Amino acid sequence: MTKLNNKFETGQVWSCRSVSSSNEHKALIVSIDEFEDENVIGIAVISQDSGGSPFMPFSIKAFSASAFELIDTGRETSDFNDGYQYWKELYIDGEAGVYDISIDEVLGLNS
């Protein structure tokens, strides 16, 4: 289990802010990486409507601004390993980035 700032850990599920109170997002922390230039939290969004999302990397600042309540711990994250490894290789090669906007804003990009 990886920990960051003694607050976030892999396997945790957080309630995250949404513009619509009827559509609260839940984020499963899949990975935590401390790179030289920034810390990155990889998540999967768990929702009643969509079931789940693919791996999505966020800056610690963006995730911290979205997450407001820890609701579960110890969740399994292995289903997201392939997406995480793919993103990490591209990130290290400078071919992928991280979201620096809220989870709600990212989910709205596909609407």
PDB file of N, CA and C in Angstrom:
ATOM      1  N   MET A   1       0.840  -1.177   0.000  1.00  0.00           N
ATOM      2  CA  MET A   1       0.000   0.000   0.000  1.00  0.00           C
ATOM      3  C   MET A   1       0.884   1.239   0.000  1.00  0.00           C
ATOM      4  N   THR A   2       0.581   2.140  -0.891  1.00  0.00           N
ATOM      5  CA  THR A   2       1.350   3.375  -0.987  1.00  0.00           C
ATOM      6  C   THR A   2       0.580   4.500  -0.308  1.00  0.00           C
ATOM      7  N   LYS A   3       1.311   5.346   0.403  1.00  0.00           N
ATOM      8  CA  LYS A   3       0.712   6.447   1.162  1.00  0.00           C
ATOM      9  C   LYS A   3       1.300   7.776   0.720  1.00  0.00           C
ATOM     10  N   LEU A   4       0.497   8.833   0.772  1.00  0.00           N
ATOM     11  CA  LEU A   4       0.965  10.177   0.447  1.00  0.00           C
ATOM     12  C   LEU A   4       0.385  11.158   1.454  1.00  0.00           C
ATOM     13  N   ASN A   5       1.249  11.981   2.018  1.00  0.00           N
ATOM     14  CA  ASN A   5       0.827  13.018   2.969  1.00  0.00           C
ATOM     15  C   ASN A   5       0.095  12.463   4.183  1.00  0.00           C
ATOM     16  N   ASN A   6       0.313  11.196   4.520  1.00  0.00           N
ATOM     17  CA  ASN A   6      -0.384  10.560   5.636  1.00  0.00           C
ATOM     18  C   ASN A   6      -1.899  10.696   5.544  1.00  0.00           C
ATOM     19  N   LYS A   7      -2.403  10.956   4.354  1.00  0.00           N
ATOM     20  CA  LYS A   7      -3.848  11.103   4.162  1.00  0.00           C
ATOM     21  C   LYS A   7      -4.363  10.145   3.104  1.00  0.00           C
ATOM     22  N   PHE A   8      -3.727  10.157   1.952  1.00  0.00           N
ATOM     23  CA  PHE A   8      -4.202   9.336   0.845  1.00  0.00           C
ATOM     24  C   PHE A   8      -3.419   8.036   0.760  1.00  0.00           C
ATOM     25  N   GLU A   9      -4.148   6.921   0.516  1.00  0.00           N
ATOM     26  CA  GLU A   9      -3.536   5.600   0.359  1.00  0.00           C
ATOM     27  C   GLU A   9      -4.216   4.871  -0.785  1.00  0.00           C
ATOM     28  N   THR A  10      -3.475   3.995  -1.440  1.00  0.00           N
ATOM     29  CA  THR A  10      -4.097   3.154  -2.452  1.00  0.00           C
ATOM     30  C   THR A  10      -5.144   2.282  -1.767  1.00  0.00           C
ATOM     31  N   GLY A  11      -6.225   2.023  -2.485  1.00  0.00           N
ATOM     32  CA  GLY A  11      -7.319   1.218  -1.953  1.00  0.00           C
ATOM     33  C   GLY A  11      -8.393   2.011  -1.226  1.00  0.00           C
ATOM     34  N   GLN A  12      -8.163   3.301  -1.007  1.00  0.00           N
ATOM     35  CA  GLN A  12      -9.185   4.136  -0.369  1.00  0.00           C
ATOM     36  C   GLN A  12     -10.240   4.557  -1.393  1.00  0.00           C
ATOM     37  N   VAL A  13     -11.466   4.766  -0.908  1.00  0.00           N
ATOM     38  CA  VAL A  13     -12.530   5.335  -1.729  1.00  0.00           C
ATOM     39  C   VAL A  13     -12.954   6.648  -1.077  1.00  0.00           C
ATOM     40  N   TRP A  14     -12.975   7.708  -1.884  1.00  0.00           N
ATOM     41  CA  TRP A  14     -13.318   9.053  -1.413  1.00  0.00           C
ATOM     42  C   TRP A  14     -14.566   9.562  -2.116  1.00  0.00           C
ATOM     43  N   SER A  15     -15.436  10.244  -1.370  1.00  0.00           N
ATOM     44  CA  SER A  15     -16.512  11.021  -1.983  1.00  0.00           C
ATOM     45  C   SER A  15     -15.878  12.285  -2.534  1.00  0.00           C
ATOM     46  N   CYS A  16     -16.305  12.671  -3.735  1.00  0.00           N
ATOM     47  CA  CYS A  16     -15.720  13.839  -4.395  1.00  0.00           C
ATOM     48  C   CYS A  16     -16.806  14.825  -4.793  1.00  0.00           C
ATOM     49  N   ARG A  17     -16.459  16.073  -4.729  1.00  0.00           N
ATOM     50  CA  ARG A  17     -17.391  17.157  -5.030  1.00  0.00           C
ATOM     51  C   ARG A  17     -17.903  17.079  -6.471  1.00  0.00           C
ATOM     52  N   SER A  18     -19.168  17.449  -6.614  1.00  0.00           N
ATOM     53  CA  SER A  18     -19.803  17.512  -7.921  1.00  0.00           C
ATOM     54  C   SER A  18     -20.672  18.761  -7.966  1.00  0.00           C
ATOM     55  N   VAL A  19     -20.821  19.328  -9.143  1.00  0.00           N
ATOM     56  CA  VAL A  19     -21.690  20.491  -9.293  1.00  0.00           C
ATOM     57  C   VAL A  19     -23.123  20.104  -8.919  1.00  0.00           C
ATOM     58  N   SER A  20     -23.516  18.902  -9.295  1.00  0.00           N
ATOM     59  CA  SER A  20     -24.860  18.409  -9.009  1.00  0.00           C
ATOM     60  C   SER A  20     -24.833  17.544  -7.754  1.00  0.00           C
ATOM     61  N   SER A  21     -25.600  17.925  -6.744  1.00  0.00           N
ATOM     62  CA  SER A  21     -25.614  17.142  -5.502  1.00  0.00           C
ATOM     63  C   SER A  21     -26.226  15.763  -5.708  1.00  0.00           C
ATOM     64  N   SER A  22     -26.982  15.579  -6.778  1.00  0.00           N
ATOM     65  CA  SER A  22     -27.587  14.275  -7.048  1.00  0.00           C
ATOM     66  C   SER A  22     -26.624  13.336  -7.768  1.00  0.00           C
ATOM     67  N   ASN A  23     -25.444  13.818  -8.126  1.00  0.00           N
ATOM     68  CA  ASN A  23     -24.494  13.011  -8.887  1.00  0.00           C
ATOM     69  C   ASN A  23     -23.117  13.024  -8.225  1.00  0.00           C
ATOM     70  N   GLU A  24     -23.063  12.650  -6.961  1.00  0.00           N
ATOM     71  CA  GLU A  24     -21.795  12.636  -6.239  1.00  0.00           C
ATOM     72  C   GLU A  24     -20.880  11.556  -6.821  1.00  0.00           C
ATOM     73  N   HIS A  25     -19.616  11.876  -6.951  1.00  0.00           N
ATOM     74  CA  HIS A  25     -18.644  10.936  -7.490  1.00  0.00           C
ATOM     75  C   HIS A  25     -17.909  10.231  -6.358  1.00  0.00           C
ATOM     76  N   LYS A  26     -17.562   8.983  -6.611  1.00  0.00           N
ATOM     77  CA  LYS A  26     -16.726   8.237  -5.673  1.00  0.00           C
ATOM     78  C   LYS A  26     -15.463   7.828  -6.417  1.00  0.00           C
ATOM     79  N   ALA A  27     -14.308   8.098  -5.818  1.00  0.00           N
ATOM     80  CA  ALA A  27     -13.028   7.825  -6.471  1.00  0.00           C
ATOM     81  C   ALA A  27     -12.244   6.787  -5.685  1.00  0.00           C
ATOM     82  N   LEU A  28     -11.843   5.728  -6.371  1.00  0.00           N
ATOM     83  CA  LEU A  28     -10.979   4.696  -5.808  1.00  0.00           C
ATOM     84  C   LEU A  28      -9.541   5.061  -6.141  1.00  0.00           C
ATOM     85  N   ILE A  29      -8.697   5.184  -5.122  1.00  0.00           N
ATOM     86  CA  ILE A  29      -7.283   5.481  -5.371  1.00  0.00           C
ATOM     87  C   ILE A  29      -6.586   4.196  -5.802  1.00  0.00           C
ATOM     88  N   VAL A  30      -6.109   4.206  -7.039  1.00  0.00           N
ATOM     89  CA  VAL A  30      -5.474   3.050  -7.667  1.00  0.00           C
ATOM     90  C   VAL A  30      -3.959   3.093  -7.508  1.00  0.00           C
ATOM     91  N   SER A  31      -3.389   4.290  -7.580  1.00  0.00           N
ATOM     92  CA  SER A  31      -1.931   4.421  -7.500  1.00  0.00           C
ATOM     93  C   SER A  31      -1.556   5.778  -6.929  1.00  0.00           C
ATOM     94  N   ILE A  32      -0.365   5.823  -6.359  1.00  0.00           N
ATOM     95  CA  ILE A  32       0.216   7.075  -5.888  1.00  0.00           C
ATOM     96  C   ILE A  32       1.678   7.069  -6.310  1.00  0.00           C
ATOM     97  N   ASP A  33       2.075   8.092  -7.040  1.00  0.00           N
ATOM     98  CA  ASP A  33       3.458   8.189  -7.501  1.00  0.00           C
ATOM     99  C   ASP A  33       4.047   9.521  -7.085  1.00  0.00           C
ATOM    100  N   GLU A  34       5.265   9.483  -6.601  1.00  0.00           N
ATOM    101  CA  GLU A  34       5.998  10.702  -6.265  1.00  0.00           C
ATOM    102  C   GLU A  34       7.120  10.856  -7.284  1.00  0.00           C
ATOM    103  N   PHE A  35       6.834  11.615  -8.339  1.00  0.00           N
ATOM    104  CA  PHE A  35       7.822  11.887  -9.367  1.00  0.00           C
ATOM    105  C   PHE A  35       8.653  13.092  -8.954  1.00  0.00           C
ATOM    106  N   GLU A  36       9.749  13.299  -9.640  1.00  0.00           N
ATOM    107  CA  GLU A  36      10.646  14.411  -9.329  1.00  0.00           C
ATOM    108  C   GLU A  36       9.942  15.762  -9.399  1.00  0.00           C
ATOM    109  N   ASP A  37       9.056  15.920 -10.404  1.00  0.00           N
ATOM    110  CA  ASP A  37       8.419  17.219 -10.611  1.00  0.00           C
ATOM    111  C   ASP A  37       7.019  17.346 -10.021  1.00  0.00           C
ATOM    112  N   GLU A  38       6.361  16.237  -9.685  1.00  0.00           N
ATOM    113  CA  GLU A  38       5.026  16.317  -9.092  1.00  0.00           C
ATOM    114  C   GLU A  38       4.580  14.977  -8.520  1.00  0.00           C
ATOM    115  N   ASN A  39       3.608  15.057  -7.605  1.00  0.00           N
ATOM    116  CA  ASN A  39       2.984  13.863  -7.053  1.00  0.00           C
ATOM    117  C   ASN A  39       1.684  13.616  -7.805  1.00  0.00           C
ATOM    118  N   VAL A  40       1.429  12.348  -8.119  1.00  0.00           N
ATOM    119  CA  VAL A  40       0.272  11.996  -8.933  1.00  0.00           C
ATOM    120  C   VAL A  40      -0.543  10.920  -8.227  1.00  0.00           C
ATOM    121  N   ILE A  41      -1.847  11.131  -8.176  1.00  0.00           N
ATOM    122  CA  ILE A  41      -2.775  10.134  -7.648  1.00  0.00           C
ATOM    123  C   ILE A  41      -3.578   9.603  -8.820  1.00  0.00           C
ATOM    124  N   GLY A  42      -3.517   8.295  -9.034  1.00  0.00           N
ATOM    125  CA  GLY A  42      -4.294   7.650 -10.082  1.00  0.00           C
ATOM    126  C   GLY A  42      -5.575   7.107  -9.487  1.00  0.00           C
ATOM    127  N   ILE A  43      -6.694   7.374 -10.146  1.00  0.00           N
ATOM    128  CA  ILE A  43      -7.985   6.949  -9.614  1.00  0.00           C
ATOM    129  C   ILE A  43      -8.820   6.243 -10.671  1.00  0.00           C
ATOM    130  N   ALA A  44      -9.867   5.595 -10.195  1.00  0.00           N
ATOM    131  CA  ALA A  44     -10.963   5.130 -11.030  1.00  0.00           C
ATOM    132  C   ALA A  44     -12.217   5.672 -10.370  1.00  0.00           C
ATOM    133  N   VAL A  45     -13.109   6.258 -11.147  1.00  0.00           N
ATOM    134  CA  VAL A  45     -14.346   6.801 -10.603  1.00  0.00           C
ATOM    135  C   VAL A  45     -15.381   5.687 -10.567  1.00  0.00           C
ATOM    136  N   ILE A  46     -15.976   5.526  -9.403  1.00  0.00           N
ATOM    137  CA  ILE A  46     -17.018   4.520  -9.206  1.00  0.00           C
ATOM    138  C   ILE A  46     -18.331   5.274  -9.096  1.00  0.00           C
ATOM    139  N   SER A  47     -19.271   4.980  -9.976  1.00  0.00           N
ATOM    140  CA  SER A  47     -20.571   5.649  -9.885  1.00  0.00           C
ATOM    141  C   SER A  47     -21.680   4.643 -10.119  1.00  0.00           C
ATOM    142  N   GLN A  48     -22.860   4.960  -9.609  1.00  0.00           N
ATOM    143  CA  GLN A  48     -23.996   4.068  -9.788  1.00  0.00           C
ATOM    144  C   GLN A  48     -24.429   4.023 -11.246  1.00  0.00           C
ATOM    145  N   ASP A  49     -24.265   5.127 -11.953  1.00  0.00           N
ATOM    146  CA  ASP A  49     -24.720   5.197 -13.340  1.00  0.00           C
ATOM    147  C   ASP A  49     -23.810   4.445 -14.301  1.00  0.00           C
ATOM    148  N   SER A  50     -22.505   4.641 -14.147  1.00  0.00           N
ATOM    149  CA  SER A  50     -21.583   4.101 -15.145  1.00  0.00           C
ATOM    150  C   SER A  50     -20.822   2.870 -14.684  1.00  0.00           C
ATOM    151  N   GLY A  51     -20.932   2.505 -13.419  1.00  0.00           N
ATOM    152  CA  GLY A  51     -20.194   1.355 -12.918  1.00  0.00           C
ATOM    153  C   GLY A  51     -18.790   1.734 -12.520  1.00  0.00           C
ATOM    154  N   GLY A  52     -17.972   2.098 -13.465  1.00  0.00           N
ATOM    155  CA  GLY A  52     -16.596   2.474 -13.164  1.00  0.00           C
ATOM    156  C   GLY A  52     -15.936   3.119 -14.359  1.00  0.00           C
ATOM    157  N   SER A  53     -14.813   3.731 -14.128  1.00  0.00           N
ATOM    158  CA  SER A  53     -14.097   4.424 -15.192  1.00  0.00           C
ATOM    159  C   SER A  53     -12.737   3.779 -15.383  1.00  0.00           C
ATOM    160  N   PRO A  54     -12.077   4.102 -16.478  1.00  0.00           N
ATOM    161  CA  PRO A  54     -10.699   3.649 -16.632  1.00  0.00           C
ATOM    162  C   PRO A  54      -9.784   4.432 -15.694  1.00  0.00           C
ATOM    163  N   PHE A  55      -8.538   4.048 -15.636  1.00  0.00           N
ATOM    164  CA  PHE A  55      -7.531   4.735 -14.832  1.00  0.00           C
ATOM    165  C   PHE A  55      -7.413   6.189 -15.273  1.00  0.00           C
ATOM    166  N   MET A  56      -7.410   7.107 -14.293  1.00  0.00           N
ATOM    167  CA  MET A  56      -7.280   8.536 -14.590  1.00  0.00           C
ATOM    168  C   MET A  56      -6.291   9.160 -13.612  1.00  0.00           C
ATOM    169  N   PRO A  57      -5.209   9.785 -14.106  1.00  0.00           N
ATOM    170  CA  PRO A  57      -4.208  10.401 -13.230  1.00  0.00           C
ATOM    171  C   PRO A  57      -4.515  11.873 -12.929  1.00  0.00           C
ATOM    172  N   PHE A  58      -4.394  12.252 -11.656  1.00  0.00           N
ATOM    173  CA  PHE A  58      -4.644  13.628 -11.221  1.00  0.00           C
ATOM    174  C   PHE A  58      -3.461  14.154 -10.432  1.00  0.00           C
ATOM    175  N   SER A  59      -3.252  15.460 -10.510  1.00  0.00           N
ATOM    176  CA  SER A  59      -2.269  16.086  -9.630  1.00  0.00           C
ATOM    177  C   SER A  59      -2.806  15.988  -8.206  1.00  0.00           C
ATOM    178  N   ILE A  60      -1.913  15.976  -7.236  1.00  0.00           N
ATOM    179  CA  ILE A  60      -2.337  15.908  -5.838  1.00  0.00           C
ATOM    180  C   ILE A  60      -3.220  17.106  -5.498  1.00  0.00           C
ATOM    181  N   LYS A  61      -2.907  18.260  -6.043  1.00  0.00           N
ATOM    182  CA  LYS A  61      -3.690  19.473  -5.768  1.00  0.00           C
ATOM    183  C   LYS A  61      -5.120  19.329  -6.287  1.00  0.00           C
ATOM    184  N   ALA A  62      -5.273  18.842  -7.511  1.00  0.00           N
ATOM    185  CA  ALA A  62      -6.607  18.687  -8.096  1.00  0.00           C
ATOM    186  C   ALA A  62      -7.416  17.634  -7.350  1.00  0.00           C
ATOM    187  N   PHE A  63      -6.772  16.512  -7.012  1.00  0.00           N
ATOM    188  CA  PHE A  63      -7.501  15.474  -6.284  1.00  0.00           C
ATOM    189  C   PHE A  63      -7.892  15.959  -4.894  1.00  0.00           C
ATOM    190  N   SER A  64      -6.978  16.617  -4.216  1.00  0.00           N
ATOM    191  CA  SER A  64      -7.258  17.125  -2.864  1.00  0.00           C
ATOM    192  C   SER A  64      -8.424  18.104  -2.863  1.00  0.00           C
ATOM    193  N   ALA A  65      -8.530  18.907  -3.918  1.00  0.00           N
ATOM    194  CA  ALA A  65      -9.625  19.872  -4.012  1.00  0.00           C
ATOM    195  C   ALA A  65     -10.964  19.190  -4.285  1.00  0.00           C
ATOM    196  N   SER A  66     -10.934  18.000  -4.864  1.00  0.00           N
ATOM    197  CA  SER A  66     -12.162  17.274  -5.187  1.00  0.00           C
ATOM    198  C   SER A  66     -12.627  16.370  -4.050  1.00  0.00           C
ATOM    199  N   ALA A  67     -11.695  15.693  -3.395  1.00  0.00           N
ATOM    200  CA  ALA A  67     -12.032  14.699  -2.367  1.00  0.00           C
ATOM    201  C   ALA A  67     -12.395  15.381  -1.056  1.00  0.00           C
ATOM    202  N   PHE A  68     -13.516  14.955  -0.453  1.00  0.00           N
ATOM    203  CA  PHE A  68     -13.890  15.588   0.817  1.00  0.00           C
ATOM    204  C   PHE A  68     -14.225  14.609   1.932  1.00  0.00           C
ATOM    205  N   GLU A  69     -14.489  13.337   1.623  1.00  0.00           N
ATOM    206  CA  GLU A  69     -14.822  12.400   2.695  1.00  0.00           C
ATOM    207  C   GLU A  69     -14.324  10.998   2.353  1.00  0.00           C
ATOM    208  N   LEU A  70     -13.536  10.424   3.248  1.00  0.00           N
ATOM    209  CA  LEU A  70     -13.085   9.041   3.102  1.00  0.00           C
ATOM    210  C   LEU A  70     -14.251   8.130   3.454  1.00  0.00           C
ATOM    211  N   ILE A  71     -14.627   7.222   2.535  1.00  0.00           N
ATOM    212  CA  ILE A  71     -15.783   6.365   2.801  1.00  0.00           C
ATOM    213  C   ILE A  71     -15.459   4.879   2.859  1.00  0.00           C
ATOM    214  N   ASP A  72     -14.267   4.476   2.399  1.00  0.00           N
ATOM    215  CA  ASP A  72     -13.901   3.058   2.464  1.00  0.00           C
ATOM    216  C   ASP A  72     -12.390   2.919   2.316  1.00  0.00           C
ATOM    217  N   THR A  73     -11.859   1.811   2.787  1.00  0.00           N
ATOM    218  CA  THR A  73     -10.428   1.516   2.661  1.00  0.00           C
ATOM    219  C   THR A  73     -10.243   0.052   2.291  1.00  0.00           C
ATOM    220  N   GLY A  74      -9.044  -0.272   1.837  1.00  0.00           N
ATOM    221  CA  GLY A  74      -8.694  -1.661   1.564  1.00  0.00           C
ATOM    222  C   GLY A  74      -9.304  -2.257   0.313  1.00  0.00           C
ATOM    223  N   ARG A  75      -9.773  -1.421  -0.595  1.00  0.00           N
ATOM    224  CA  ARG A  75     -10.355  -1.934  -1.841  1.00  0.00           C
ATOM    225  C   ARG A  75      -9.264  -2.485  -2.758  1.00  0.00           C
ATOM    226  N   GLU A  76      -9.618  -3.473  -3.529  1.00  0.00           N
ATOM    227  CA  GLU A  76      -8.724  -4.094  -4.506  1.00  0.00           C
ATOM    228  C   GLU A  76      -8.551  -3.151  -5.698  1.00  0.00           C
ATOM    229  N   THR A  77      -7.309  -3.018  -6.163  1.00  0.00           N
ATOM    230  CA  THR A  77      -7.020  -2.105  -7.280  1.00  0.00           C
ATOM    231  C   THR A  77      -6.405  -2.810  -8.489  1.00  0.00           C
ATOM    232  N   SER A  78      -6.229  -4.121  -8.415  1.00  0.00           N
ATOM    233  CA  SER A  78      -5.499  -4.838  -9.470  1.00  0.00           C
ATOM    234  C   SER A  78      -6.183  -4.773 -10.835  1.00  0.00           C
ATOM    235  N   ASP A  79      -7.487  -4.545 -10.880  1.00  0.00           N
ATOM    236  CA  ASP A  79      -8.186  -4.441 -12.169  1.00  0.00           C
ATOM    237  C   ASP A  79      -7.686  -3.267 -13.003  1.00  0.00           C
ATOM    238  N   PHE A  80      -7.002  -2.331 -12.370  1.00  0.00           N
ATOM    239  CA  PHE A  80      -6.565  -1.116 -13.055  1.00  0.00           C
ATOM    240  C   PHE A  80      -5.066  -1.104 -13.343  1.00  0.00           C
ATOM    241  N   ASN A  81      -4.373  -2.194 -13.034  1.00  0.00           N
ATOM    242  CA  ASN A  81      -2.916  -2.244 -13.212  1.00  0.00           C
ATOM    243  C   ASN A  81      -2.476  -2.014 -14.650  1.00  0.00           C
ATOM    244  N   ASP A  82      -3.173  -2.598 -15.607  1.00  0.00           N
ATOM    245  CA  ASP A  82      -2.775  -2.438 -17.014  1.00  0.00           C
ATOM    246  C   ASP A  82      -2.851  -0.976 -17.449  1.00  0.00           C
ATOM    247  N   GLY A  83      -3.963  -0.314 -17.128  1.00  0.00           N
ATOM    248  CA  GLY A  83      -4.116   1.101 -17.482  1.00  0.00           C
ATOM    249  C   GLY A  83      -3.088   1.969 -16.788  1.00  0.00           C
ATOM    250  N   TYR A  84      -2.827   1.651 -15.524  1.00  0.00           N
ATOM    251  CA  TYR A  84      -1.834   2.402 -14.759  1.00  0.00           C
ATOM    252  C   TYR A  84      -0.446   2.240 -15.362  1.00  0.00           C
ATOM    253  N   GLN A  85      -0.029   1.016 -15.651  1.00  0.00           N
ATOM    254  CA  GLN A  85       1.305   0.770 -16.208  1.00  0.00           C
ATOM    255  C   GLN A  85       1.465   1.434 -17.574  1.00  0.00           C
ATOM    256  N   TYR A  86       0.418   1.369 -18.388  1.00  0.00           N
ATOM    257  CA  TYR A  86       0.454   1.998 -19.710  1.00  0.00           C
ATOM    258  C   TYR A  86       0.661   3.507 -19.571  1.00  0.00           C
ATOM    259  N   TRP A  87      -0.156   4.144 -18.698  1.00  0.00           N
ATOM    260  CA  TRP A  87      -0.016   5.581 -18.482  1.00  0.00           C
ATOM    261  C   TRP A  87       1.362   5.919 -17.936  1.00  0.00           C
ATOM    262  N   LYS A  88       1.852   5.163 -16.951  1.00  0.00           N
ATOM    263  CA  LYS A  88       3.130   5.482 -16.300  1.00  0.00           C
ATOM    264  C   LYS A  88       4.287   5.454 -17.297  1.00  0.00           C
ATOM    265  N   GLU A  89       4.305   4.455 -18.171  1.00  0.00           N
ATOM    266  CA  GLU A  89       5.361   4.386 -19.189  1.00  0.00           C
ATOM    267  C   GLU A  89       5.322   5.620 -20.091  1.00  0.00           C
ATOM    268  N   LEU A  90       4.123   5.996 -20.525  1.00  0.00           N
ATOM    269  CA  LEU A  90       3.989   7.178 -21.380  1.00  0.00           C
ATOM    270  C   LEU A  90       4.364   8.449 -20.626  1.00  0.00           C
ATOM    271  N   TYR A  91       3.999   8.543 -19.358  1.00  0.00           N
ATOM    272  CA  TYR A  91       4.317   9.720 -18.549  1.00  0.00           C
ATOM    273  C   TYR A  91       5.826   9.879 -18.404  1.00  0.00           C
ATOM    274  N   ILE A  92       6.495   8.802 -18.095  1.00  0.00           N
ATOM    275  CA  ILE A  92       7.953   8.841 -17.932  1.00  0.00           C
ATOM    276  C   ILE A  92       8.633   9.249 -19.236  1.00  0.00           C
ATOM    277  N   ASP A  93       8.055   8.823 -20.366  1.00  0.00           N
ATOM    278  CA  ASP A  93       8.602   9.186 -21.679  1.00  0.00           C
ATOM    279  C   ASP A  93       8.179  10.588 -22.130  1.00  0.00           C
ATOM    280  N   GLY A  94       7.402  11.281 -21.309  1.00  0.00           N
ATOM    281  CA  GLY A  94       6.951  12.629 -21.656  1.00  0.00           C
ATOM    282  C   GLY A  94       5.805  12.665 -22.639  1.00  0.00           C
ATOM    283  N   GLU A  95       5.092  11.546 -22.795  1.00  0.00           N
ATOM    284  CA  GLU A  95       4.018  11.461 -23.778  1.00  0.00           C
ATOM    285  C   GLU A  95       2.624  11.436 -23.154  1.00  0.00           C
ATOM    286  N   ALA A  96       2.534  11.565 -21.844  1.00  0.00           N
ATOM    287  CA  ALA A  96       1.244  11.596 -21.152  1.00  0.00           C
ATOM    288  C   ALA A  96       1.353  12.584 -20.002  1.00  0.00           C
ATOM    289  N   GLY A  97       0.221  13.048 -19.546  1.00  0.00           N
ATOM    290  CA  GLY A  97       0.216  14.016 -18.454  1.00  0.00           C
ATOM    291  C   GLY A  97      -0.759  13.624 -17.372  1.00  0.00           C
ATOM    292  N   VAL A  98      -1.139  14.617 -16.578  1.00  0.00           N
ATOM    293  CA  VAL A  98      -2.098  14.412 -15.498  1.00  0.00           C
ATOM    294  C   VAL A  98      -3.153  15.508 -15.575  1.00  0.00           C
ATOM    295  N   TYR A  99      -4.314  15.223 -15.041  1.00  0.00           N
ATOM    296  CA  TYR A  99      -5.363  16.236 -14.952  1.00  0.00           C
ATOM    297  C   TYR A  99      -5.046  17.177 -13.801  1.00  0.00           C
ATOM    298  N   ASP A 100      -5.218  18.464 -14.049  1.00  0.00           N
ATOM    299  CA  ASP A 100      -5.029  19.442 -12.977  1.00  0.00           C
ATOM    300  C   ASP A 100      -6.311  20.245 -12.754  1.00  0.00           C
ATOM    301  N   ILE A 101      -7.435  19.644 -13.145  1.00  0.00           N
ATOM    302  CA  ILE A 101      -8.762  20.207 -12.896  1.00  0.00           C
ATOM    303  C   ILE A 101      -9.535  19.203 -12.046  1.00  0.00           C
ATOM    304  N   SER A 102     -10.716  19.578 -11.592  1.00  0.00           N
ATOM    305  CA  SER A 102     -11.477  18.702 -10.700  1.00  0.00           C
ATOM    306  C   SER A 102     -11.955  17.439 -11.414  1.00  0.00           C
ATOM    307  N   ILE A 103     -12.249  16.431 -10.621  1.00  0.00           N
ATOM    308  CA  ILE A 103     -12.794  15.186 -11.169  1.00  0.00           C
ATOM    309  C   ILE A 103     -14.097  15.479 -11.904  1.00  0.00           C
ATOM    310  N   ASP A 104     -14.939  16.310 -11.320  1.00  0.00           N
ATOM    311  CA  ASP A 104     -16.210  16.678 -11.937  1.00  0.00           C
ATOM    312  C   ASP A 104     -15.995  17.315 -13.313  1.00  0.00           C
ATOM    313  N   GLU A 105     -15.016  18.196 -13.423  1.00  0.00           N
ATOM    314  CA  GLU A 105     -14.721  18.840 -14.708  1.00  0.00           C
ATOM    315  C   GLU A 105     -14.223  17.824 -15.732  1.00  0.00           C
ATOM    316  N   VAL A 106     -13.377  16.894 -15.314  1.00  0.00           N
ATOM    317  CA  VAL A 106     -12.872  15.872 -16.237  1.00  0.00           C
ATOM    318  C   VAL A 106     -14.020  15.008 -16.745  1.00  0.00           C
ATOM    319  N   LEU A 107     -14.897  14.589 -15.856  1.00  0.00           N
ATOM    320  CA  LEU A 107     -16.025  13.761 -16.275  1.00  0.00           C
ATOM    321  C   LEU A 107     -16.952  14.527 -17.206  1.00  0.00           C
ATOM    322  N   GLY A 108     -17.028  15.837 -17.060  1.00  0.00           N
ATOM    323  CA  GLY A 108     -17.846  16.671 -17.933  1.00  0.00           C
ATOM    324  C   GLY A 108     -17.269  16.843 -19.325  1.00  0.00           C
ATOM    325  N   LEU A 109     -15.979  16.545 -19.499  1.00  0.00           N
ATOM    326  CA  LEU A 109     -15.346  16.681 -20.817  1.00  0.00           C
ATOM    327  C   LEU A 109     -15.943  15.718 -21.827  1.00  0.00           C
ATOM    328  N   ASN A 110     -16.448  14.577 -21.364  1.00  0.00           N
ATOM    329  CA  ASN A 110     -17.009  13.572 -22.261  1.00  0.00           C
ATOM    330  C   ASN A 110     -18.498  13.761 -22.497  1.00  0.00           C
ATOM    331  N   SER A 111     -19.098  14.739 -21.851  1.00  0.00           N
ATOM    332  CA  SER A 111     -20.553  14.945 -21.973  1.00  0.00           C
ATOM    333  C   SER A 111     -20.904  15.675 -23.242  1.00  0.00           C
TER     334      SER A 111
END
